[in-house]
Amino acid sequence: MKDVKQIISECQNETVSELVQVLGIENTVRLIETFGGSQLYIPRLEMLTKNEYRNSMIYTDCMNGMSYRAVAGKYGLSEMAIRKIIRSKTEK
């Protein structure tokens, strides 16, 4: 019987082949074991950095005394979203 690494390395699935090229066999196996069968959204890098910058600005505005309501209006988010961002920044 073939082992998992051999099966993956011989796999004809285009997505799996691309994962092996980018991540290598070991990490592809780990990814499949962890997320196999589920849909996974991977944001673009510029969105990660853009949101992190925005969240830092939100945190700064709140720490400088702006109300959650004012910050929410400024960034087009709900007050609940602002509270969540502030909580995530203070829990680090």
Protein backbone atom coordinates (compact mmCIF):
# COMPACT_ATOMS: atom_id res chain seq x y z
CA MET A 1 0.00 0.00 0.00
CA LYS A 2 1.27 3.49 -0.91
CA ASP A 3 1.97 5.98 1.87
CA VAL A 4 0.27 9.37 1.98
CA LYS A 5 3.31 11.29 0.71
CA GLN A 6 3.62 9.05 -2.32
CA ILE A 7 -0.11 9.35 -3.09
CA ILE A 8 0.06 13.14 -2.87
CA SER A 9 3.22 13.38 -4.96
CA GLU A 10 1.55 11.32 -7.70
CA CYS A 11 -1.81 13.12 -7.44
CA GLN A 12 -3.22 14.50 -10.70
CA ASN A 13 -5.33 17.16 -8.92
CA GLU A 14 -4.11 20.57 -10.11
CA THR A 15 -4.68 22.27 -6.76
CA VAL A 16 -2.78 19.60 -4.85
CA SER A 17 0.07 19.76 -7.38
CA GLU A 18 0.32 23.55 -6.95
CA LEU A 19 0.31 23.18 -3.17
CA VAL A 20 3.16 20.66 -3.36
CA GLN A 21 5.15 23.04 -5.58
CA VAL A 22 4.66 25.97 -3.18
CA LEU A 23 4.61 24.26 0.22
CA GLY A 24 6.40 20.95 -0.32
CA ILE A 25 5.02 17.47 0.46
CA GLU A 26 5.23 17.69 4.28
CA ASN A 27 3.34 20.97 4.54
CA THR A 28 0.81 19.89 1.92
CA VAL A 29 0.05 16.78 3.98
CA ARG A 30 -0.36 18.94 7.11
CA LEU A 31 -2.64 21.35 5.25
CA ILE A 32 -4.81 18.53 3.91
CA GLU A 33 -4.98 16.87 7.33
CA THR A 34 -6.01 20.13 8.95
CA PHE A 35 -8.36 21.62 6.34
CA GLY A 36 -9.16 18.75 3.98
CA GLY A 37 -12.76 18.79 2.77
CA SER A 38 -13.41 22.38 3.76
CA GLN A 39 -13.32 25.57 1.72
CA LEU A 40 -10.49 27.82 2.74
CA TYR A 41 -10.34 31.55 2.00
CA ILE A 42 -6.82 32.92 1.78
CA PRO A 43 -6.75 36.73 1.61
CA ARG A 44 -4.33 38.57 -0.62
CA LEU A 45 -1.27 39.91 1.17
CA GLU A 46 -2.13 43.54 0.46
CA MET A 47 -5.52 43.07 2.18
CA LEU A 48 -3.82 41.74 5.29
CA THR A 49 -1.50 44.71 5.51
CA LYS A 50 -4.27 47.17 4.59
CA ASN A 51 -6.58 45.85 7.32
CA GLU A 52 -3.78 45.81 9.88
CA TYR A 53 -2.97 49.43 9.11
CA ARG A 54 -6.67 50.39 9.31
CA ASN A 55 -7.06 48.54 12.60
CA SER A 56 -4.03 50.35 14.03
CA MET A 57 -5.55 53.68 13.03
CA ILE A 58 -8.85 52.67 14.65
CA TYR A 59 -7.04 51.74 17.85
CA THR A 60 -5.16 55.05 17.85
CA ASP A 61 -8.37 57.04 17.31
CA CYS A 62 -10.07 55.25 20.20
CA MET A 63 -7.09 55.69 22.51
CA ASN A 64 -7.07 59.40 21.64
CA GLY A 65 -10.61 59.74 22.96
CA MET A 66 -12.80 59.34 19.90
CA SER A 67 -16.05 57.56 20.68
CA TYR A 68 -16.75 54.15 19.20
CA ARG A 69 -19.67 55.68 17.31
CA ALA A 70 -17.46 58.39 15.75
CA VAL A 71 -14.75 55.87 14.84
CA ALA A 72 -17.35 53.52 13.35
CA GLY A 73 -18.68 56.36 11.18
CA LYS A 74 -15.20 57.41 10.12
CA TYR A 75 -14.25 53.92 8.91
CA GLY A 76 -17.67 52.73 7.73
CA LEU A 77 -17.87 49.93 10.29
CA SER A 78 -20.32 49.03 13.03
CA GLU A 79 -19.63 49.92 16.65
CA MET A 80 -19.49 46.18 17.36
CA ALA A 81 -16.72 45.77 14.76
CA ILE A 82 -14.79 48.65 16.33
CA ARG A 83 -15.11 47.07 19.79
CA LYS A 84 -13.89 43.75 18.40
CA ILE A 85 -10.84 45.41 16.81
CA ILE A 86 -10.00 47.25 20.05
CA ARG A 87 -10.40 44.04 22.05
CA SER A 88 -8.09 42.14 19.69
CA LYS A 89 -5.45 44.88 19.97
CA THR A 90 -5.57 44.98 23.78
CA GLU A 91 -5.43 41.18 24.14
CA LYS A 92 -2.08 40.93 22.34
